[in-house]
């Protein structure tokens, strides 16, 4: 079995590109797409709309569409065409819904996405100073991953000379994961749009 050695981590500090990425993340966190109310208060539609525009702005020639197998519960599917479309594709899935908020347990507005000094690590083993952190419902589960996928692909595409994947990459953003996913990924799996993604080599979900 081959040994793979990771390159050393080099800290170049926070760049303007990093700050812009954090700003986009904050925008997304400010959409209160709570599972229980998202379909009726417009926040699901707002979150899906934000994702569509973010895909277009970040990746340019990417193909993006919104489908609604269940009314008022939009699913966003973005496709970055590979150079060899005969190969099975990669699916990067994330969900944009979040759980309800119990305000008494928050130190700040959960949908303000403020940047504050924070801590990481379980209290049971002691808290470690983390420096500035973005506080918001969904910052960890899992709007962070929605934005990470977009930022990673955007930066790859921005490399000198450009970049295109060998395999086609599909980004899927679904609702309702926090309440079981029946009307989100469950409904998507029964659509022709999902069938059109096959064959799939790898489907990556939360992975937190």
C-alpha atoms as a PDB file:
ATOM      1  CA  UNK A   1       0.000   0.000   0.000  1.00  0.00           C
ATOM      2  CA  UNK A   2       1.431   3.372  -1.003  1.00  0.00           C
ATOM      3  CA  UNK A   3       2.126   5.998   1.618  1.00  0.00           C
ATOM      4  CA  UNK A   4       0.740   9.446   0.868  1.00  0.00           C
ATOM      5  CA  UNK A   5       2.466  12.333   2.620  1.00  0.00           C
ATOM      6  CA  UNK A   6       0.564  15.599   2.872  1.00  0.00           C
ATOM      7  CA  UNK A   7       2.498  18.777   2.084  1.00  0.00           C
ATOM      8  CA  UNK A   8       3.284  21.068   5.010  1.00  0.00           C
ATOM      9  CA  UNK A   9       0.646  23.617   5.940  1.00  0.00           C
ATOM     10  CA  UNK A  10       1.740  27.163   5.169  1.00  0.00           C
ATOM     11  CA  UNK A  11      -0.170  29.974   6.867  1.00  0.00           C
ATOM     12  CA  UNK A  12      -0.254  32.957   4.533  1.00  0.00           C
ATOM     13  CA  UNK A  13      -2.716  34.845   6.711  1.00  0.00           C
ATOM     14  CA  UNK A  14      -6.164  36.034   5.696  1.00  0.00           C
ATOM     15  CA  UNK A  15      -6.293  37.354   2.146  1.00  0.00           C
ATOM     16  CA  UNK A  16      -8.851  39.581   0.494  1.00  0.00           C
ATOM     17  CA  UNK A  17     -10.149  36.484  -1.253  1.00  0.00           C
ATOM     18  CA  UNK A  18     -10.648  34.819   2.132  1.00  0.00           C
ATOM     19  CA  UNK A  19     -12.499  37.851   3.488  1.00  0.00           C
ATOM     20  CA  UNK A  20     -14.808  37.848   0.464  1.00  0.00           C
ATOM     21  CA  UNK A  21     -15.528  34.145   1.013  1.00  0.00           C
ATOM     22  CA  UNK A  22     -16.427  34.800   4.652  1.00  0.00           C
ATOM     23  CA  UNK A  23     -18.708  37.641   3.567  1.00  0.00           C
ATOM     24  CA  UNK A  24     -20.535  35.336   1.152  1.00  0.00           C
ATOM     25  CA  UNK A  25     -20.858  32.738   3.914  1.00  0.00           C
ATOM     26  CA  UNK A  26     -22.378  35.358   6.218  1.00  0.00           C
ATOM     27  CA  UNK A  27     -24.923  36.306   3.550  1.00  0.00           C
ATOM     28  CA  UNK A  28     -26.059  32.702   3.315  1.00  0.00           C
ATOM     29  CA  UNK A  29     -26.260  32.266   7.097  1.00  0.00           C
ATOM     30  CA  UNK A  30     -28.557  35.289   7.360  1.00  0.00           C
ATOM     31  CA  UNK A  31     -31.288  33.418   5.485  1.00  0.00           C
ATOM     32  CA  UNK A  32     -33.329  31.737   8.285  1.00  0.00           C
ATOM     33  CA  UNK A  33     -34.097  28.531   6.362  1.00  0.00           C
ATOM     34  CA  UNK A  34     -35.502  26.559   9.304  1.00  0.00           C
ATOM     35  CA  UNK A  35     -36.965  23.193   8.273  1.00  0.00           C
ATOM     36  CA  UNK A  36     -40.285  23.663  10.057  1.00  0.00           C
ATOM     37  CA  UNK A  37     -41.066  27.058   8.537  1.00  0.00           C
ATOM     38  CA  UNK A  38     -38.931  27.322   5.402  1.00  0.00           C
ATOM     39  CA  UNK A  39     -41.548  26.110   2.903  1.00  0.00           C
ATOM     40  CA  UNK A  40     -44.154  28.648   4.059  1.00  0.00           C
ATOM     41  CA  UNK A  41     -42.198  31.748   5.080  1.00  0.00           C
ATOM     42  CA  UNK A  42     -40.185  32.029   1.869  1.00  0.00           C
ATOM     43  CA  UNK A  43     -36.808  31.223   3.408  1.00  0.00           C
ATOM     44  CA  UNK A  44     -36.416  27.947   1.496  1.00  0.00           C
ATOM     45  CA  UNK A  45     -36.997  29.820  -1.753  1.00  0.00           C
ATOM     46  CA  UNK A  46     -34.569  32.534  -0.643  1.00  0.00           C
ATOM     47  CA  UNK A  47     -31.862  29.995   0.226  1.00  0.00           C
ATOM     48  CA  UNK A  48     -32.274  28.168  -3.086  1.00  0.00           C
ATOM     49  CA  UNK A  49     -32.219  31.466  -4.967  1.00  0.00           C
ATOM     50  CA  UNK A  50     -29.032  32.507  -3.186  1.00  0.00           C
ATOM     51  CA  UNK A  51     -27.381  29.208  -4.110  1.00  0.00           C
ATOM     52  CA  UNK A  52     -28.338  29.544  -7.774  1.00  0.00           C
ATOM     53  CA  UNK A  53     -26.828  33.021  -7.961  1.00  0.00           C
ATOM     54  CA  UNK A  54     -23.746  31.947  -5.989  1.00  0.00           C
ATOM     55  CA  UNK A  55     -23.152  29.049  -8.392  1.00  0.00           C
ATOM     56  CA  UNK A  56     -23.383  31.355 -11.390  1.00  0.00           C
ATOM     57  CA  UNK A  57     -21.184  34.033  -9.826  1.00  0.00           C
ATOM     58  CA  UNK A  58     -18.555  31.599  -8.566  1.00  0.00           C
ATOM     59  CA  UNK A  59     -18.342  29.174 -11.461  1.00  0.00           C
ATOM     60  CA  UNK A  60     -19.461  31.107 -14.509  1.00  0.00           C
ATOM     61  CA  UNK A  61     -20.185  28.473 -17.137  1.00  0.00           C
ATOM     62  CA  UNK A  62     -21.703  26.006 -14.683  1.00  0.00           C
ATOM     63  CA  UNK A  63     -25.190  24.708 -15.522  1.00  0.00           C
ATOM     64  CA  UNK A  64     -27.680  25.376 -12.703  1.00  0.00           C
ATOM     65  CA  UNK A  65     -31.333  24.463 -12.306  1.00  0.00           C
ATOM     66  CA  UNK A  66     -33.927  24.309  -9.557  1.00  0.00           C
ATOM     67  CA  UNK A  67     -36.453  21.487  -9.295  1.00  0.00           C
ATOM     68  CA  UNK A  68     -39.382  21.014  -6.915  1.00  0.00           C
ATOM     69  CA  UNK A  69     -40.443  17.372  -6.577  1.00  0.00           C
ATOM     70  CA  UNK A  70     -42.350  18.610  -3.505  1.00  0.00           C
ATOM     71  CA  UNK A  71     -43.971  22.040  -3.688  1.00  0.00           C
ATOM     72  CA  UNK A  72     -42.122  24.874  -1.918  1.00  0.00           C
ATOM     73  CA  UNK A  73     -39.126  22.633  -1.194  1.00  0.00           C
ATOM     74  CA  UNK A  74     -36.673  23.508  -3.976  1.00  0.00           C
ATOM     75  CA  UNK A  75     -33.599  21.448  -4.814  1.00  0.00           C
ATOM     76  CA  UNK A  76     -30.696  23.106  -6.610  1.00  0.00           C
ATOM     77  CA  UNK A  77     -28.614  21.019  -9.026  1.00  0.00           C
ATOM     78  CA  UNK A  78     -25.442  22.545 -10.471  1.00  0.00           C
ATOM     79  CA  UNK A  79     -23.296  20.723 -13.024  1.00  0.00           C
ATOM     80  CA  UNK A  80     -19.654  21.358 -13.893  1.00  0.00           C
ATOM     81  CA  UNK A  81     -18.967  19.380 -17.042  1.00  0.00           C
ATOM     82  CA  UNK A  82     -15.923  17.112 -17.000  1.00  0.00           C
ATOM     83  CA  UNK A  83     -13.469  16.715 -19.836  1.00  0.00           C
ATOM     84  CA  UNK A  84     -14.376  13.024 -20.081  1.00  0.00           C
ATOM     85  CA  UNK A  85     -18.171  12.794 -19.670  1.00  0.00           C
ATOM     86  CA  UNK A  86     -18.044   9.036 -20.272  1.00  0.00           C
ATOM     87  CA  UNK A  87     -16.657   8.567 -16.761  1.00  0.00           C
ATOM     88  CA  UNK A  88     -19.014   8.082 -13.789  1.00  0.00           C
ATOM     89  CA  UNK A  89     -19.588  11.430 -12.116  1.00  0.00           C
ATOM     90  CA  UNK A  90     -18.981  12.883  -8.660  1.00  0.00           C
ATOM     91  CA  UNK A  91     -21.918  14.187  -6.594  1.00  0.00           C
ATOM     92  CA  UNK A  92     -21.220  16.700  -3.812  1.00  0.00           C
ATOM     93  CA  UNK A  93     -24.377  16.945  -1.727  1.00  0.00           C
ATOM     94  CA  UNK A  94     -25.281  19.342   1.066  1.00  0.00           C
ATOM     95  CA  UNK A  95     -28.445  20.632   2.726  1.00  0.00           C
ATOM     96  CA  UNK A  96     -29.473  24.229   3.260  1.00  0.00           C
ATOM     97  CA  UNK A  97     -32.101  23.750   5.967  1.00  0.00           C
ATOM     98  CA  UNK A  98     -31.302  24.302   9.632  1.00  0.00           C
ATOM     99  CA  UNK A  99     -32.886  23.301  12.934  1.00  0.00           C
ATOM    100  CA  UNK A 100     -35.027  25.693  15.010  1.00  0.00           C
ATOM    101  CA  UNK A 101     -33.413  28.120  17.429  1.00  0.00           C
ATOM    102  CA  UNK A 102     -33.765  28.239  21.213  1.00  0.00           C
ATOM    103  CA  UNK A 103     -32.750  31.832  21.824  1.00  0.00           C
ATOM    104  CA  UNK A 104     -32.031  31.288  25.514  1.00  0.00           C
ATOM    105  CA  UNK A 105     -29.018  29.201  24.518  1.00  0.00           C
ATOM    106  CA  UNK A 106     -27.522  31.805  22.208  1.00  0.00           C
ATOM    107  CA  UNK A 107     -25.116  34.597  23.061  1.00  0.00           C
ATOM    108  CA  UNK A 108     -26.035  36.529  19.916  1.00  0.00           C
ATOM    109  CA  UNK A 109     -28.589  36.744  17.116  1.00  0.00           C
ATOM    110  CA  UNK A 110     -28.415  33.293  15.446  1.00  0.00           C
ATOM    111  CA  UNK A 111     -29.207  34.785  12.046  1.00  0.00           C
ATOM    112  CA  UNK A 112     -26.916  37.815  12.206  1.00  0.00           C
ATOM    113  CA  UNK A 113     -23.792  35.794  11.325  1.00  0.00           C
ATOM    114  CA  UNK A 114     -21.623  38.032  13.491  1.00  0.00           C
ATOM    115  CA  UNK A 115     -17.874  37.521  13.703  1.00  0.00           C
ATOM    116  CA  UNK A 116     -16.751  37.240  17.330  1.00  0.00           C
ATOM    117  CA  UNK A 117     -13.885  35.760  19.286  1.00  0.00           C
ATOM    118  CA  UNK A 118     -14.745  32.118  19.844  1.00  0.00           C
ATOM    119  CA  UNK A 119     -13.710  28.808  21.264  1.00  0.00           C
ATOM    120  CA  UNK A 120     -13.408  25.276  19.920  1.00  0.00           C
ATOM    121  CA  UNK A 121     -13.223  21.915  21.649  1.00  0.00           C
ATOM    122  CA  UNK A 122     -15.621  20.114  24.001  1.00  0.00           C
ATOM    123  CA  UNK A 123     -16.080  21.737  27.386  1.00  0.00           C
ATOM    124  CA  UNK A 124     -15.336  18.396  29.037  1.00  0.00           C
ATOM    125  CA  UNK A 125     -11.708  18.559  27.923  1.00  0.00           C
ATOM    126  CA  UNK A 126     -11.273  22.301  28.194  1.00  0.00           C
ATOM    127  CA  UNK A 127     -11.915  25.105  25.757  1.00  0.00           C
ATOM    128  CA  UNK A 128      -9.327  26.246  23.255  1.00  0.00           C
ATOM    129  CA  UNK A 129      -9.194  29.810  21.984  1.00  0.00           C
ATOM    130  CA  UNK A 130     -10.093  29.810  18.304  1.00  0.00           C
ATOM    131  CA  UNK A 131      -9.865  33.494  17.443  1.00  0.00           C
ATOM    132  CA  UNK A 132     -12.553  35.171  15.317  1.00  0.00           C
ATOM    133  CA  UNK A 133     -15.458  32.845  14.488  1.00  0.00           C
ATOM    134  CA  UNK A 134     -18.687  33.292  12.548  1.00  0.00           C
ATOM    135  CA  UNK A 135     -21.625  32.709  14.882  1.00  0.00           C
ATOM    136  CA  UNK A 136     -24.866  31.596  13.260  1.00  0.00           C
ATOM    137  CA  UNK A 137     -27.392  28.810  12.947  1.00  0.00           C
ATOM    138  CA  UNK A 138     -26.081  26.564  10.191  1.00  0.00           C
ATOM    139  CA  UNK A 139     -22.478  27.737  10.498  1.00  0.00           C
ATOM    140  CA  UNK A 140     -21.500  24.139  11.278  1.00  0.00           C
ATOM    141  CA  UNK A 141     -24.509  22.095  10.150  1.00  0.00           C
ATOM    142  CA  UNK A 142     -24.224  22.554   7.302  1.00  0.00           C
ATOM    143  CA  UNK A 143     -24.287  25.761   5.320  1.00  0.00           C
ATOM    144  CA  UNK A 144     -20.520  25.782   5.776  1.00  0.00           C
ATOM    145  CA  UNK A 145     -20.232  22.780   3.450  1.00  0.00           C
ATOM    146  CA  UNK A 146     -22.562  24.325   0.846  1.00  0.00           C
ATOM    147  CA  UNK A 147     -20.207  27.293   0.653  1.00  0.00           C
ATOM    148  CA  UNK A 148     -17.009  25.229   0.962  1.00  0.00           C
ATOM    149  CA  UNK A 149     -17.881  23.240  -2.158  1.00  0.00           C
ATOM    150  CA  UNK A 150     -18.497  26.455  -4.086  1.00  0.00           C
ATOM    151  CA  UNK A 151     -15.361  28.172  -2.803  1.00  0.00           C
ATOM    152  CA  UNK A 152     -13.126  25.171  -3.494  1.00  0.00           C
ATOM    153  CA  UNK A 153     -14.335  24.852  -7.078  1.00  0.00           C
ATOM    154  CA  UNK A 154     -14.208  28.612  -7.619  1.00  0.00           C
ATOM    155  CA  UNK A 155     -10.566  28.748  -6.530  1.00  0.00           C
ATOM    156  CA  UNK A 156      -9.643  25.781  -8.694  1.00  0.00           C
ATOM    157  CA  UNK A 157     -11.292  27.426 -11.690  1.00  0.00           C
ATOM    158  CA  UNK A 158      -9.450  30.683 -10.979  1.00  0.00           C
ATOM    159  CA  UNK A 159      -6.007  29.099 -11.232  1.00  0.00           C
ATOM    160  CA  UNK A 160      -3.713  30.449 -13.961  1.00  0.00           C
ATOM    161  CA  UNK A 161      -4.602  28.599 -17.127  1.00  0.00           C
ATOM    162  CA  UNK A 162      -7.960  27.576 -15.682  1.00  0.00           C
ATOM    163  CA  UNK A 163      -9.053  24.175 -14.452  1.00  0.00           C
ATOM    164  CA  UNK A 164     -11.587  21.607 -15.587  1.00  0.00           C
ATOM    165  CA  UNK A 165     -12.359  18.328 -13.828  1.00  0.00           C
ATOM    166  CA  UNK A 166     -11.819  15.024 -15.594  1.00  0.00           C
ATOM    167  CA  UNK A 167     -15.143  13.732 -14.272  1.00  0.00           C
ATOM    168  CA  UNK A 168     -18.345  15.736 -14.321  1.00  0.00           C
ATOM    169  CA  UNK A 169     -19.135  17.189 -10.892  1.00  0.00           C
ATOM    170  CA  UNK A 170     -22.704  17.734  -9.720  1.00  0.00           C
ATOM    171  CA  UNK A 171     -23.478  19.915  -6.706  1.00  0.00           C
ATOM    172  CA  UNK A 172     -26.840  19.122  -5.121  1.00  0.00           C
ATOM    173  CA  UNK A 173     -28.349  21.348  -2.436  1.00  0.00           C
ATOM    174  CA  UNK A 174     -31.404  19.864  -0.727  1.00  0.00           C
ATOM    175  CA  UNK A 175     -33.945  20.885   1.946  1.00  0.00           C
ATOM    176  CA  UNK A 176     -35.481  18.983   4.851  1.00  0.00           C
ATOM    177  CA  UNK A 177     -32.415  16.983   5.915  1.00  0.00           C
ATOM    178  CA  UNK A 178     -32.938  18.060   9.517  1.00  0.00           C
ATOM    179  CA  UNK A 179     -36.402  16.469   9.564  1.00  0.00           C
ATOM    180  CA  UNK A 180     -35.556  13.198   7.867  1.00  0.00           C
ATOM    181  CA  UNK A 181     -35.109  14.214   4.243  1.00  0.00           C
ATOM    182  CA  UNK A 182     -38.181  12.463   2.814  1.00  0.00           C
ATOM    183  CA  UNK A 183     -39.225  15.576   0.879  1.00  0.00           C
ATOM    184  CA  UNK A 184     -35.616  16.540   0.142  1.00  0.00           C
ATOM    185  CA  UNK A 185     -33.092  13.925  -0.951  1.00  0.00           C
ATOM    186  CA  UNK A 186     -35.750  11.207  -0.675  1.00  0.00           C
ATOM    187  CA  UNK A 187     -37.943  12.969  -3.219  1.00  0.00           C
ATOM    188  CA  UNK A 188     -34.959  13.830  -5.424  1.00  0.00           C
ATOM    189  CA  UNK A 189     -33.964  10.156  -5.690  1.00  0.00           C
ATOM    190  CA  UNK A 190     -37.288   9.411  -7.383  1.00  0.00           C
ATOM    191  CA  UNK A 191     -36.922  12.043 -10.109  1.00  0.00           C
ATOM    192  CA  UNK A 192     -35.639  11.807 -13.692  1.00  0.00           C
ATOM    193  CA  UNK A 193     -33.180  14.553 -12.736  1.00  0.00           C
ATOM    194  CA  UNK A 194     -31.450  12.210 -10.302  1.00  0.00           C
ATOM    195  CA  UNK A 195     -31.490   9.339 -12.800  1.00  0.00           C
ATOM    196  CA  UNK A 196     -29.764  11.629 -15.290  1.00  0.00           C
ATOM    197  CA  UNK A 197     -26.771  11.923 -12.952  1.00  0.00           C
ATOM    198  CA  UNK A 198     -25.966   8.212 -13.179  1.00  0.00           C
ATOM    199  CA  UNK A 199     -23.551   6.480 -13.297  1.00  0.00           C
ATOM    200  CA  UNK A 200     -22.124   7.932 -10.081  1.00  0.00           C
ATOM    201  CA  UNK A 201     -18.585   7.090  -8.964  1.00  0.00           C
ATOM    202  CA  UNK A 202     -18.741   8.951  -5.643  1.00  0.00           C
ATOM    203  CA  UNK A 203     -21.499  10.709  -3.714  1.00  0.00           C
ATOM    204  CA  UNK A 204     -20.194  12.771  -0.803  1.00  0.00           C
ATOM    205  CA  UNK A 205     -22.653  13.938   1.837  1.00  0.00           C
ATOM    206  CA  UNK A 206     -22.001  15.920   5.013  1.00  0.00           C
ATOM    207  CA  UNK A 207     -18.604  14.526   5.914  1.00  0.00           C
ATOM    208  CA  UNK A 208     -18.292  16.871   8.877  1.00  0.00           C
END
